[in-house]
Amino acid sequence: MLALFVALRANPGDAHEETSQVERWTRSLVSAGLTASSVKREALGGGLAHYTWKVRVGTGKYDVIGVHRVVREARPWIPARSSRAVFLVHGDLWGFAPAFLTNTCVSTMPEDRSLAAFLASQDVDVWGLDLRWVGVPEEETDFEFMAAWSIQTHAKDLGTGLALADVVRRLSGNGGNDRMFLMGWSRGATIGYAYLDAESQRPRALRRVDGFVPMDMPVRFGPDAAQQQQWACERYELLNADRAMGRTEGGLLGPAPGIPVRHLGWAAAQDPNGLSLLAPGFVEQPRPTNRQLAVIAAGDTATLLRPFKLQPLVPGYHLAGSVPDASGLPVKTAYTPEPTLFDYFQLAVPYQSLNEVVETEAQLCGLDVPFDDHLQDVKVPVLYVGAAGGVGRYGEYSTRLLGSTDVTRLIVRSRGESERALDFGHADLFLARDARVRVWQPILQWLRAH
């Protein structure tokens, strides 16, 4: 408290400006019907700052989302004006900061290497969301509150986040020709498609999104991917059976999916040469070391699904590209530094709502779902970004379901399709040493061109 008092005495002008800005934002958000906590600010260096709000979106204990903003500032608490903004939606396991602002969460990534910080440094106003389950603490044991959470719940929460961004940006003097783009990675892309599906039915003046960047995720499989659709049907049947038995929490890795991922990363970082206690069920003998298992989990992610008798999203799907040993198992990472990967694993959140996972698999299986009936009415410009060793080309068909005529497709690859099991992976899009050049710069160029 004394330190804060001294700081305020030393910088009374800054303190007044902070108070004035927060009060303006709060009054405007209340007027817009948004119940948000006081904003927090974190200086990032290079003239950038990271702002966060907690927004109540329901009456339940955990009916709260996080809204983030990473932006260049004219001075502290005064964001610079920009004509381009993008709203980011994360996927499973990792919330906004671990997924898109990773360098602020780990010590093994250079200060300037994260997607959100890169775009903000290029005068793009970066916003994003923490889905409701990101805020559920590990000590929670009763997950009945997740029973009603769904893809449509998250799409509605995305709309709330976009509304907050719109209010705050207008107070900063942004308007007129400003454009807001929506970017969704992995299941975040599924939520993005669902949001746009609903928004397409609103009058044009009430729509908030001017362009869409789905990253490495399909919502429907094309006619040439019958096997992948069948795999989705099998995942749907197994997970839906769990849901029918009353389970409300969990993902493709079972209940509390983030906890074993956290342990993988911790063990690999703290005791890399020790024999893994998690290996039985995942990898056949000889038992790998902690480091080896973490690399295998990243480079051959289907390994993690074997205990649950599930097939991966697409053949060879993995988080991080790898180099194999003589038996074909990943022996080292190819694009993402291993220390960063192990830290990243430790940032996984413990829990996830099961409904959204079941609903996604139903959609991929070709079943009727209530959140993609109007995709042909979505006509905003689209940039699909795929990782050749992640979903890759299998996500292209989904963009053809939209009514958009301005569609660009970027598949980040280093190998031919026959070697997709070793190529650039799902998380390499954000963690790889050369992600800035191969992924982020093309995204920035597309944003500027639209």
Protein backbone atom coordinates (compact mmCIF):
# COMPACT_ATOMS: atom_id res chain seq x y z
CA MET A 1 0.00 0.00 0.00
CA LEU A 2 2.86 2.38 0.85
CA ALA A 3 4.52 1.67 -2.51
CA LEU A 4 1.26 2.45 -4.30
CA PHE A 5 0.90 5.71 -2.32
CA VAL A 6 4.43 6.76 -3.21
CA ALA A 7 3.86 5.91 -6.88
CA LEU A 8 0.68 7.97 -7.00
CA ARG A 9 2.42 10.90 -5.30
CA ALA A 10 5.26 10.64 -7.82
CA ASN A 11 2.93 10.49 -10.83
CA PRO A 12 -0.30 12.26 -9.85
CA GLY A 13 -1.07 13.07 -13.49
CA ASP A 14 -0.83 9.42 -14.53
CA ALA A 15 -3.03 8.38 -11.62
CA HIS A 16 -5.67 10.95 -12.55
CA GLU A 17 -5.56 9.91 -16.20
CA GLU A 18 -5.93 6.25 -15.23
CA THR A 19 -8.91 6.99 -12.98
CA SER A 20 -10.55 9.17 -15.60
CA GLN A 21 -10.11 6.57 -18.37
CA VAL A 22 -11.39 3.68 -16.25
CA GLU A 23 -14.42 5.73 -15.19
CA ARG A 24 -15.23 6.61 -18.81
CA TRP A 25 -14.96 2.98 -19.90
CA THR A 26 -17.02 1.75 -16.94
CA ARG A 27 -19.84 4.26 -17.48
CA SER A 28 -20.05 3.44 -21.18
CA LEU A 29 -20.05 -0.32 -20.57
CA VAL A 30 -22.81 0.00 -17.99
CA SER A 31 -24.82 2.11 -20.45
CA ALA A 32 -24.36 -0.69 -23.00
CA GLY A 33 -25.69 -3.25 -20.52
CA LEU A 34 -22.30 -4.89 -19.88
CA THR A 35 -21.37 -5.88 -16.33
CA ALA A 36 -17.58 -5.73 -16.36
CA SER A 37 -15.01 -5.55 -13.58
CA SER A 38 -12.55 -2.72 -13.37
CA VAL A 39 -9.99 -3.02 -16.12
CA LYS A 40 -6.44 -4.14 -15.33
CA ARG A 41 -3.41 -2.95 -17.28
CA GLU A 42 -0.06 -4.68 -17.80
CA ALA A 43 2.78 -2.88 -19.58
CA LEU A 44 4.43 -5.17 -22.13
CA GLY A 45 7.33 -3.06 -23.35
CA GLY A 46 7.79 -1.50 -26.75
CA GLY A 47 4.92 0.88 -26.08
CA LEU A 48 2.39 -1.99 -25.82
CA ALA A 49 -0.05 -2.78 -23.02
CA HIS A 50 -2.32 -5.69 -22.13
CA TYR A 51 -5.74 -4.79 -20.70
CA THR A 52 -8.14 -7.32 -19.15
CA TRP A 53 -11.77 -7.23 -18.05
CA LYS A 54 -13.91 -9.86 -16.34
CA VAL A 55 -17.46 -9.76 -17.69
CA ARG A 56 -20.44 -11.41 -16.04
CA VAL A 57 -22.57 -13.25 -18.62
CA GLY A 58 -24.98 -15.15 -16.33
CA THR A 59 -26.03 -15.69 -12.74
CA GLY A 60 -23.90 -18.75 -12.01
CA LYS A 61 -20.64 -18.67 -10.08
CA TYR A 62 -18.56 -19.30 -13.18
CA ASP A 63 -20.71 -17.46 -15.73
CA VAL A 64 -17.84 -15.07 -16.34
CA ILE A 65 -15.66 -14.49 -19.40
CA GLY A 66 -12.36 -12.69 -19.71
CA VAL A 67 -11.92 -10.02 -22.37
CA HIS A 68 -8.39 -9.02 -23.37
CA ARG A 69 -6.90 -6.16 -25.32
CA VAL A 70 -3.28 -5.87 -26.52
CA VAL A 71 -2.62 -2.50 -28.07
CA ARG A 72 -0.03 0.17 -28.73
CA GLU A 73 -0.47 3.15 -26.41
CA ALA A 74 -0.05 6.85 -27.06
CA ARG A 75 0.76 7.02 -23.35
CA PRO A 76 -0.20 4.84 -20.36
CA TRP A 77 -3.96 4.18 -20.29
CA ILE A 78 -4.47 5.97 -23.60
CA PRO A 79 -4.51 3.41 -26.46
CA ALA A 80 -3.41 4.69 -29.82
CA ARG A 81 -5.99 4.88 -32.59
CA SER A 82 -5.95 2.16 -35.24
CA SER A 83 -8.04 1.36 -38.29
CA ARG A 84 -7.72 -2.42 -37.97
CA ALA A 85 -8.75 -4.57 -35.03
CA VAL A 86 -8.93 -8.34 -34.60
CA PHE A 87 -10.76 -10.41 -32.00
CA LEU A 88 -9.12 -13.77 -31.15
CA VAL A 89 -10.91 -16.89 -29.86
CA HIS A 90 -8.83 -19.73 -28.40
CA GLY A 91 -9.45 -23.47 -28.64
CA ASP A 92 -9.18 -26.32 -26.13
CA LEU A 93 -6.79 -26.35 -23.15
CA TRP A 94 -5.24 -22.87 -23.49
CA GLY A 95 -6.90 -19.53 -22.81
CA PHE A 96 -6.14 -16.22 -24.51
CA ALA A 97 -2.77 -15.38 -22.96
CA PRO A 98 -1.17 -18.86 -23.20
CA ALA A 99 -2.43 -19.27 -26.77
CA PHE A 100 -1.85 -15.81 -28.24
CA LEU A 101 0.36 -13.90 -25.77
CA THR A 102 2.56 -16.81 -24.76
CA ASN A 103 5.69 -14.76 -24.19
CA THR A 104 4.08 -13.11 -21.14
CA CYS A 105 3.43 -16.51 -19.55
CA VAL A 106 6.78 -18.26 -20.04
CA SER A 107 10.45 -17.38 -19.70
CA THR A 108 11.55 -19.51 -22.68
CA MET A 109 10.08 -17.35 -25.44
CA PRO A 110 11.60 -14.05 -26.60
CA GLU A 111 9.76 -10.95 -25.43
CA ASP A 112 8.61 -9.96 -28.91
CA ARG A 113 7.47 -13.38 -30.12
CA SER A 114 3.74 -13.88 -29.77
CA LEU A 115 0.95 -13.34 -32.26
CA ALA A 116 -0.95 -10.76 -30.21
CA ALA A 117 2.15 -8.69 -29.43
CA PHE A 118 3.34 -8.87 -33.03
CA LEU A 119 0.05 -7.65 -34.46
CA ALA A 120 -0.23 -4.91 -31.83
CA SER A 121 3.31 -3.76 -32.61
CA GLN A 122 2.12 -3.33 -36.21
CA ASP A 123 -0.73 -1.05 -35.06
CA VAL A 124 -3.48 -3.67 -35.08
CA ASP A 125 -5.80 -3.40 -32.06
CA VAL A 126 -5.87 -6.97 -30.71
CA TRP A 127 -8.78 -8.24 -28.64
CA GLY A 128 -9.64 -11.69 -27.36
CA LEU A 129 -11.72 -13.92 -25.15
CA ASP A 130 -11.31 -16.36 -22.29
CA LEU A 131 -14.21 -18.83 -22.48
CA ARG A 132 -16.11 -19.50 -19.27
CA TRP A 133 -14.30 -22.73 -18.38
CA VAL A 134 -10.92 -20.96 -18.36
CA GLY A 135 -11.87 -19.45 -14.99
CA VAL A 136 -12.85 -22.72 -13.27
CA PRO A 137 -10.24 -23.48 -10.58
CA GLU A 138 -8.56 -26.86 -10.27
CA GLU A 139 -10.05 -27.46 -6.81
CA GLU A 140 -13.62 -27.49 -8.21
CA THR A 141 -15.28 -30.93 -8.09
CA ASP A 142 -18.96 -30.31 -8.96
CA PHE A 143 -19.45 -29.50 -12.66
CA GLU A 144 -23.24 -29.44 -12.88
CA PHE A 145 -22.99 -25.74 -13.78
CA MET A 146 -21.49 -26.74 -17.14
CA ALA A 147 -24.61 -28.66 -18.19
CA ALA A 148 -26.03 -25.76 -20.19
CA TRP A 149 -22.78 -24.47 -21.68
CA SER A 150 -22.61 -25.12 -25.41
CA ILE A 151 -21.26 -23.86 -28.72
CA GLN A 152 -24.13 -21.40 -28.86
CA THR A 153 -23.34 -20.24 -25.29
CA HIS A 154 -19.77 -19.50 -26.31
CA ALA A 155 -20.90 -17.81 -29.55
CA LYS A 156 -23.16 -15.55 -27.49
CA ASP A 157 -20.27 -14.79 -25.12
CA LEU A 158 -18.14 -13.93 -28.15
CA GLY A 159 -20.82 -11.42 -29.11
CA THR A 160 -20.55 -9.91 -25.64
CA GLY A 161 -16.79 -9.59 -26.03
CA LEU A 162 -17.19 -7.94 -29.42
CA ALA A 163 -19.73 -5.52 -27.95
CA LEU A 164 -17.30 -4.53 -25.20
CA ALA A 165 -14.54 -4.01 -27.76
CA ASP A 166 -16.86 -1.85 -29.85
CA VAL A 167 -17.79 0.38 -26.90
CA VAL A 168 -14.20 0.87 -25.76
CA ARG A 169 -12.86 1.46 -29.27
CA ARG A 170 -15.47 4.12 -29.97
CA LEU A 171 -14.44 5.93 -26.79
CA SER A 172 -10.87 5.92 -28.12
CA GLY A 173 -12.00 7.77 -31.23
CA ASN A 174 -12.13 4.75 -33.50
CA GLY A 175 -15.00 4.61 -35.94
CA GLY A 176 -15.94 5.36 -39.49
CA ASN A 177 -13.82 3.11 -41.70
CA ASP A 178 -12.47 0.98 -38.84
CA ARG A 179 -12.75 -2.75 -39.38
CA MET A 180 -13.01 -5.58 -36.84
CA PHE A 181 -11.86 -9.05 -37.90
CA LEU A 182 -12.62 -12.30 -36.12
CA MET A 183 -9.94 -14.97 -35.75
CA GLY A 184 -10.65 -18.39 -34.25
CA TRP A 185 -8.07 -21.09 -33.67
CA SER A 186 -9.07 -24.75 -33.38
CA ARG A 187 -12.40 -25.00 -31.55
CA GLY A 188 -12.32 -21.21 -31.46
CA ALA A 189 -12.86 -21.36 -35.23
CA THR A 190 -15.92 -23.57 -34.67
CA ILE A 191 -17.27 -20.93 -32.29
CA GLY A 192 -16.41 -18.23 -34.84
CA TYR A 193 -18.38 -20.01 -37.58
CA ALA A 194 -21.33 -20.34 -35.17
CA TYR A 195 -21.19 -16.65 -34.26
CA LEU A 196 -21.11 -15.57 -37.90
CA ASP A 197 -23.94 -17.98 -38.71
CA ALA A 198 -26.15 -16.13 -36.21
CA GLU A 199 -24.86 -12.66 -37.06
CA SER A 200 -25.66 -13.16 -40.74
CA GLN A 201 -29.36 -13.03 -39.82
CA ARG A 202 -29.12 -9.58 -38.25
CA PRO A 203 -29.52 -6.30 -40.14
CA ARG A 204 -26.20 -5.22 -41.63
CA ALA A 205 -26.01 -2.21 -39.30
CA LEU A 206 -26.01 -4.53 -36.27
CA ARG A 207 -23.19 -6.80 -37.44
CA ARG A 208 -19.75 -6.38 -35.87
CA VAL A 209 -17.42 -8.60 -37.93
CA ASP A 210 -15.84 -7.41 -41.19
CA GLY A 211 -13.67 -10.46 -41.95
CA PHE A 212 -12.97 -13.97 -40.66
CA VAL A 213 -9.72 -15.88 -40.10
CA PRO A 214 -10.46 -19.52 -39.17
CA MET A 215 -7.25 -21.27 -38.16
CA ASP A 216 -6.66 -25.00 -38.63
CA MET A 217 -10.17 -26.34 -38.03
CA PRO A 218 -12.99 -27.81 -40.13
CA VAL A 219 -16.68 -27.57 -39.29
CA ARG A 220 -17.72 -30.06 -41.97
CA PHE A 221 -15.66 -32.58 -43.92
CA GLY A 222 -15.75 -32.58 -47.69
CA PRO A 223 -16.74 -35.51 -49.92
CA ASP A 224 -13.09 -36.58 -50.17
CA ALA A 225 -12.78 -37.03 -46.38
CA ALA A 226 -15.28 -39.82 -45.70
CA GLN A 227 -12.89 -41.61 -43.33
CA GLN A 228 -12.37 -38.47 -41.26
CA GLN A 229 -16.13 -37.98 -41.07
CA GLN A 230 -16.52 -41.57 -39.85
CA TRP A 231 -13.89 -41.01 -37.19
CA ALA A 232 -15.86 -37.96 -36.03
CA CYS A 233 -19.02 -40.07 -35.83
CA GLU A 234 -17.19 -42.60 -33.65
CA ARG A 235 -15.92 -39.83 -31.34
CA TYR A 236 -19.43 -38.39 -31.19
CA GLU A 237 -20.99 -41.71 -30.20
CA LEU A 238 -18.50 -42.33 -27.40
CA LEU A 239 -18.61 -38.81 -26.00
CA ASN A 240 -22.38 -38.49 -26.34
CA ALA A 241 -22.76 -41.73 -24.37
CA ASP A 242 -20.73 -40.16 -21.57
CA ARG A 243 -22.93 -37.08 -21.71
CA ALA A 244 -26.08 -39.22 -21.57
CA MET A 245 -24.74 -40.78 -18.37
CA GLY A 246 -24.64 -37.31 -16.78
CA ARG A 247 -21.09 -36.17 -17.43
CA THR A 248 -20.86 -32.41 -18.07
CA GLU A 249 -17.10 -31.79 -17.96
CA GLY A 250 -14.27 -33.10 -20.08
CA GLY A 251 -12.81 -33.26 -23.54
CA LEU A 252 -11.15 -35.64 -25.95
CA LEU A 253 -8.65 -36.59 -23.23
CA GLY A 254 -11.37 -37.52 -20.76
CA PRO A 255 -12.33 -35.68 -17.56
CA ALA A 256 -10.09 -32.79 -16.52
CA PRO A 257 -8.17 -32.93 -19.82
CA GLY A 258 -5.72 -30.19 -18.91
CA ILE A 259 -4.30 -31.87 -15.82
CA PRO A 260 -2.36 -34.68 -17.57
CA VAL A 261 -1.14 -32.17 -20.17
CA ARG A 262 0.14 -29.95 -17.37
CA HIS A 263 1.90 -32.92 -15.79
CA LEU A 264 3.50 -33.88 -19.11
CA GLY A 265 5.05 -30.43 -19.39
CA TRP A 266 6.09 -30.23 -15.73
CA ALA A 267 7.78 -33.62 -15.75
CA ALA A 268 9.59 -32.93 -19.02
CA ALA A 269 10.90 -29.61 -17.70
CA GLN A 270 11.78 -30.71 -14.17
CA ASP A 271 12.95 -34.30 -14.67
CA PRO A 272 13.55 -34.78 -18.40
CA ASN A 273 15.56 -38.01 -18.04
CA GLY A 274 13.32 -39.72 -15.52
CA LEU A 275 11.12 -42.58 -16.72
CA SER A 276 7.59 -41.31 -17.32
CA LEU A 277 4.87 -42.39 -14.92
CA LEU A 278 2.25 -41.45 -17.54
CA ALA A 279 3.62 -43.69 -20.28
CA PRO A 280 1.59 -46.89 -19.65
CA GLY A 281 -1.45 -46.78 -21.92
CA PHE A 282 0.09 -44.19 -24.21
CA VAL A 283 3.33 -45.71 -25.46
CA GLU A 284 4.45 -49.32 -25.71
CA GLN A 285 7.62 -50.53 -23.99
CA PRO A 286 10.34 -49.53 -23.49
CA ARG A 287 8.98 -46.83 -21.25
CA PRO A 288 10.08 -43.36 -22.47
CA THR A 289 11.59 -40.62 -20.38
CA ASN A 290 9.51 -37.62 -19.37
CA ARG A 291 11.07 -35.56 -22.13
CA GLN A 292 10.50 -38.25 -24.74
CA LEU A 293 6.83 -38.67 -23.82
CA ALA A 294 6.19 -34.92 -24.02
CA VAL A 295 7.81 -34.79 -27.46
CA ILE A 296 5.78 -37.83 -28.57
CA ALA A 297 2.57 -36.24 -27.27
CA ALA A 298 3.29 -33.10 -29.29
CA GLY A 299 4.58 -34.81 -32.43
CA ASP A 300 2.17 -37.78 -32.52
CA THR A 301 -0.84 -36.37 -30.70
CA ALA A 302 -2.98 -39.41 -31.52
CA THR A 303 -0.91 -41.14 -28.84
CA LEU A 304 -2.89 -39.27 -26.20
CA LEU A 305 -6.19 -40.56 -27.62
CA ARG A 306 -5.31 -44.26 -27.58
CA PRO A 307 -6.45 -44.95 -24.00
CA PHE A 308 -9.87 -43.57 -24.97
CA LYS A 309 -10.07 -45.59 -28.21
CA LEU A 310 -10.50 -42.42 -30.27
CA GLN A 311 -9.11 -41.58 -33.69
CA PRO A 312 -7.53 -38.13 -34.28
CA LEU A 313 -9.25 -35.31 -36.10
CA VAL A 314 -7.35 -36.08 -39.32
CA PRO A 315 -4.50 -38.48 -40.22
CA GLY A 316 -1.14 -37.52 -38.72
CA TYR A 317 -2.64 -34.64 -36.71
CA HIS A 318 -0.22 -33.20 -34.15
CA LEU A 319 0.51 -30.09 -32.12
CA ALA A 320 4.17 -29.67 -33.04
CA GLY A 321 6.14 -30.98 -36.00
CA SER A 322 8.92 -33.42 -35.14
CA VAL A 323 11.89 -35.44 -36.33
CA PRO A 324 11.34 -39.24 -36.03
CA ASP A 325 13.66 -41.99 -34.80
CA ALA A 326 14.22 -45.27 -36.68
CA SER A 327 10.91 -46.66 -35.39
CA GLY A 328 8.96 -43.60 -36.55
CA LEU A 329 8.36 -42.11 -33.09
CA PRO A 330 9.11 -38.40 -32.64
CA VAL A 331 12.55 -37.98 -31.11
CA LYS A 332 12.82 -34.17 -31.11
CA THR A 333 10.74 -31.17 -32.14
CA ALA A 334 11.35 -29.63 -35.55
CA TYR A 335 9.91 -26.10 -35.35
CA THR A 336 9.08 -25.21 -31.73
CA PRO A 337 11.86 -25.14 -29.10
CA GLU A 338 11.34 -27.91 -26.58
CA PRO A 339 11.66 -25.69 -23.47
CA THR A 340 8.88 -23.46 -24.82
CA LEU A 341 6.73 -26.50 -25.63
CA PHE A 342 7.14 -27.91 -22.11
CA ASP A 343 6.26 -24.55 -20.56
CA TYR A 344 3.26 -24.28 -22.88
CA PHE A 345 1.94 -27.67 -21.73
CA GLN A 346 2.05 -26.45 -18.13
CA LEU A 347 -0.25 -23.53 -19.01
CA ALA A 348 -3.20 -25.81 -19.89
CA VAL A 349 -6.36 -25.06 -17.92
CA PRO A 350 -7.79 -28.06 -16.02
CA TYR A 351 -11.37 -28.30 -17.24
CA GLN A 352 -13.66 -27.89 -20.23
CA SER A 353 -17.40 -28.16 -20.83
CA LEU A 354 -18.29 -31.43 -22.54
CA ASN A 355 -21.25 -30.16 -24.55
CA GLU A 356 -19.15 -28.14 -26.98
CA VAL A 357 -16.95 -31.15 -27.68
CA VAL A 358 -19.94 -33.41 -28.36
CA GLU A 359 -21.59 -30.76 -30.53
CA THR A 360 -18.43 -30.22 -32.57
CA GLU A 361 -18.15 -33.95 -33.26
CA ALA A 362 -21.82 -34.07 -34.23
CA GLN A 363 -21.21 -31.30 -36.75
CA LEU A 364 -18.10 -33.00 -38.14
CA CYS A 365 -20.05 -36.26 -38.35
CA GLY A 366 -22.54 -34.57 -40.66
CA LEU A 367 -25.40 -34.52 -38.16
CA ASP A 368 -27.81 -31.62 -37.90
CA VAL A 369 -26.77 -28.92 -35.43
CA PRO A 370 -28.51 -25.60 -34.73
CA PHE A 371 -25.53 -23.32 -35.33
CA ASP A 372 -24.64 -23.73 -39.02
CA ASP A 373 -27.96 -23.32 -40.83
CA HIS A 374 -27.05 -19.94 -42.36
CA LEU A 375 -23.40 -20.28 -43.33
CA GLN A 376 -24.28 -19.51 -46.94
CA ASP A 377 -25.43 -16.06 -45.73
CA VAL A 378 -21.97 -15.27 -44.31
CA LYS A 379 -20.33 -13.08 -46.94
CA VAL A 380 -17.38 -11.43 -45.20
CA PRO A 381 -13.84 -11.85 -46.57
CA VAL A 382 -12.15 -15.02 -45.29
CA LEU A 383 -8.55 -16.10 -44.76
CA TYR A 384 -8.19 -19.79 -43.87
CA VAL A 385 -4.86 -20.58 -42.21
CA GLY A 386 -3.98 -24.25 -41.86
CA ALA A 387 -0.97 -26.13 -40.54
CA ALA A 388 -0.01 -28.91 -42.98
CA GLY A 389 0.61 -31.27 -40.04
CA GLY A 390 -2.48 -30.17 -38.16
CA VAL A 391 -5.87 -29.96 -39.86
CA GLY A 392 -4.27 -28.39 -42.92
CA ARG A 393 -6.13 -28.86 -46.19
CA TYR A 394 -9.02 -30.63 -44.45
CA GLY A 395 -10.22 -27.22 -43.23
CA GLU A 396 -10.52 -25.72 -46.70
CA TYR A 397 -13.87 -27.32 -47.53
CA SER A 398 -15.59 -25.53 -44.62
CA THR A 399 -14.81 -22.13 -46.18
CA ARG A 400 -16.70 -23.23 -49.30
CA LEU A 401 -19.88 -23.54 -47.22
CA LEU A 402 -19.86 -19.78 -46.71
CA GLY A 403 -21.37 -17.26 -49.09
CA SER A 404 -18.06 -15.37 -49.19
CA THR A 405 -16.52 -14.68 -52.58
CA ASP A 406 -13.30 -13.19 -51.20
CA VAL A 407 -11.59 -16.31 -49.79
CA THR A 408 -7.84 -16.81 -49.38
CA ARG A 409 -6.31 -20.08 -48.20
CA LEU A 410 -2.86 -20.43 -46.64
CA ILE A 411 -1.45 -23.86 -45.72
CA VAL A 412 1.85 -23.58 -43.85
CA ARG A 413 3.94 -26.56 -44.95
CA SER A 414 7.52 -27.80 -45.23
CA ARG A 415 6.83 -31.26 -46.65
CA GLY A 416 4.53 -33.00 -49.09
CA GLU A 417 1.10 -34.22 -48.01
CA SER A 418 2.42 -37.79 -47.71
CA GLU A 419 4.67 -36.58 -44.86
CA ARG A 420 2.02 -34.57 -43.03
CA ALA A 421 2.75 -36.54 -39.81
CA LEU A 422 6.06 -34.65 -39.57
CA ASP A 423 5.04 -31.25 -40.91
CA PHE A 424 4.22 -27.90 -39.30
CA GLY A 425 1.78 -28.57 -36.45
CA HIS A 426 -1.39 -27.14 -34.95
CA ALA A 427 0.44 -25.20 -32.18
CA ASP A 428 3.50 -24.43 -34.31
CA LEU A 429 1.31 -21.70 -35.81
CA PHE A 430 2.02 -19.73 -32.61
CA LEU A 431 5.10 -21.32 -31.04
CA ALA A 432 7.46 -22.08 -33.94
CA ARG A 433 10.72 -20.16 -34.28
CA ASP A 434 9.69 -18.90 -37.71
CA ALA A 435 5.95 -18.49 -37.07
CA ARG A 436 6.25 -14.73 -37.44
CA VAL A 437 7.50 -14.98 -41.02
CA ARG A 438 5.46 -17.99 -42.14
CA VAL A 439 2.15 -17.32 -40.36
CA TRP A 440 1.77 -13.95 -38.69
CA GLN A 441 3.18 -11.74 -41.44
CA PRO A 442 0.80 -13.16 -44.08
CA ILE A 443 -2.10 -12.66 -41.67
CA LEU A 444 -1.04 -9.05 -41.10
CA GLN A 445 -0.78 -8.42 -44.85
CA TRP A 446 -4.27 -9.83 -45.37
CA LEU A 447 -5.71 -7.67 -42.57
CA ARG A 448 -4.15 -4.56 -44.08
CA ALA A 449 -5.45 -5.44 -47.55
CA HIS A 450 -9.00 -5.70 -46.23
